[in-house]
């Protein structure tokens, strides 16, 4: 069984850093999440209801 390619650099993945090939690629992915490069899309209705809940605090 071959390892899936790293989603960052496309090298063969490592079992230690799965699904990444190295600590570096793992950290690159984490940084992308932290700065907002990745985002989970929501429907407009969901975004409105979340905003309304935040206003209630």
C-alpha atoms as a PDB file:
ATOM      1  CA  UNK A   1       0.000   0.000   0.000  1.00  0.00           C
ATOM      2  CA  UNK A   2       1.437   3.394  -0.978  1.00  0.00           C
ATOM      3  CA  UNK A   3       0.977   6.528   1.062  1.00  0.00           C
ATOM      4  CA  UNK A   4      -1.296   9.229  -0.288  1.00  0.00           C
ATOM      5  CA  UNK A   5       0.540  12.299  -1.569  1.00  0.00           C
ATOM      6  CA  UNK A   6       1.028  15.238   0.752  1.00  0.00           C
ATOM      7  CA  UNK A   7      -1.739  17.820   0.115  1.00  0.00           C
ATOM      8  CA  UNK A   8       0.812  20.662   0.359  1.00  0.00           C
ATOM      9  CA  UNK A   9       3.819  19.554  -1.720  1.00  0.00           C
ATOM     10  CA  UNK A  10       2.560  16.321  -3.365  1.00  0.00           C
ATOM     11  CA  UNK A  11       5.498  14.211  -2.075  1.00  0.00           C
ATOM     12  CA  UNK A  12       4.624  10.768  -0.634  1.00  0.00           C
ATOM     13  CA  UNK A  13       2.976  11.116   2.766  1.00  0.00           C
ATOM     14  CA  UNK A  14       4.575  10.019   6.016  1.00  0.00           C
ATOM     15  CA  UNK A  15       2.843   7.853   8.608  1.00  0.00           C
ATOM     16  CA  UNK A  16       4.292  10.069  11.337  1.00  0.00           C
ATOM     17  CA  UNK A  17       2.772  13.296   9.925  1.00  0.00           C
ATOM     18  CA  UNK A  18      -0.168  11.790   8.027  1.00  0.00           C
ATOM     19  CA  UNK A  19      -1.569  13.073   5.679  1.00  0.00           C
ATOM     20  CA  UNK A  20       1.483  15.317   5.297  1.00  0.00           C
ATOM     21  CA  UNK A  21       5.036  14.317   4.416  1.00  0.00           C
ATOM     22  CA  UNK A  22       6.791  16.351   7.099  1.00  0.00           C
ATOM     23  CA  UNK A  23       6.373  18.656  10.059  1.00  0.00           C
ATOM     24  CA  UNK A  24       6.990  21.606   7.737  1.00  0.00           C
ATOM     25  CA  UNK A  25       4.006  20.775   5.502  1.00  0.00           C
ATOM     26  CA  UNK A  26       1.859  20.174   8.577  1.00  0.00           C
ATOM     27  CA  UNK A  27       2.813  23.619   9.898  1.00  0.00           C
ATOM     28  CA  UNK A  28       2.139  25.242   6.506  1.00  0.00           C
ATOM     29  CA  UNK A  29      -1.383  23.798   6.569  1.00  0.00           C
ATOM     30  CA  UNK A  30      -1.982  24.972  10.139  1.00  0.00           C
ATOM     31  CA  UNK A  31      -0.794  28.484   9.254  1.00  0.00           C
ATOM     32  CA  UNK A  32      -3.198  28.593   6.315  1.00  0.00           C
ATOM     33  CA  UNK A  33      -6.096  27.784   8.660  1.00  0.00           C
ATOM     34  CA  UNK A  34      -4.973  30.348  11.240  1.00  0.00           C
ATOM     35  CA  UNK A  35      -4.704  33.250   8.784  1.00  0.00           C
ATOM     36  CA  UNK A  36      -8.025  32.415   7.137  1.00  0.00           C
ATOM     37  CA  UNK A  37      -6.771  31.120   3.792  1.00  0.00           C
ATOM     38  CA  UNK A  38      -9.090  28.163   4.278  1.00  0.00           C
ATOM     39  CA  UNK A  39     -12.698  28.685   5.173  1.00  0.00           C
ATOM     40  CA  UNK A  40     -15.712  26.442   5.534  1.00  0.00           C
ATOM     41  CA  UNK A  41     -18.523  27.893   3.419  1.00  0.00           C
ATOM     42  CA  UNK A  42     -21.921  28.430   5.038  1.00  0.00           C
ATOM     43  CA  UNK A  43     -25.285  29.182   3.508  1.00  0.00           C
ATOM     44  CA  UNK A  44     -26.534  32.761   3.820  1.00  0.00           C
ATOM     45  CA  UNK A  45     -29.318  31.676   6.205  1.00  0.00           C
ATOM     46  CA  UNK A  46     -26.805  29.978   8.497  1.00  0.00           C
ATOM     47  CA  UNK A  47     -24.573  33.057   8.540  1.00  0.00           C
ATOM     48  CA  UNK A  48     -27.546  35.282   9.428  1.00  0.00           C
ATOM     49  CA  UNK A  49     -28.632  33.037  12.294  1.00  0.00           C
ATOM     50  CA  UNK A  50     -25.081  32.904  13.650  1.00  0.00           C
ATOM     51  CA  UNK A  51     -24.845  36.688  13.512  1.00  0.00           C
ATOM     52  CA  UNK A  52     -28.198  37.010  15.319  1.00  0.00           C
ATOM     53  CA  UNK A  53     -26.990  34.686  18.090  1.00  0.00           C
ATOM     54  CA  UNK A  54     -23.867  36.796  18.542  1.00  0.00           C
ATOM     55  CA  UNK A  55     -25.980  39.970  18.870  1.00  0.00           C
ATOM     56  CA  UNK A  56     -27.985  38.425  21.707  1.00  0.00           C
ATOM     57  CA  UNK A  57     -25.008  38.262  24.104  1.00  0.00           C
END
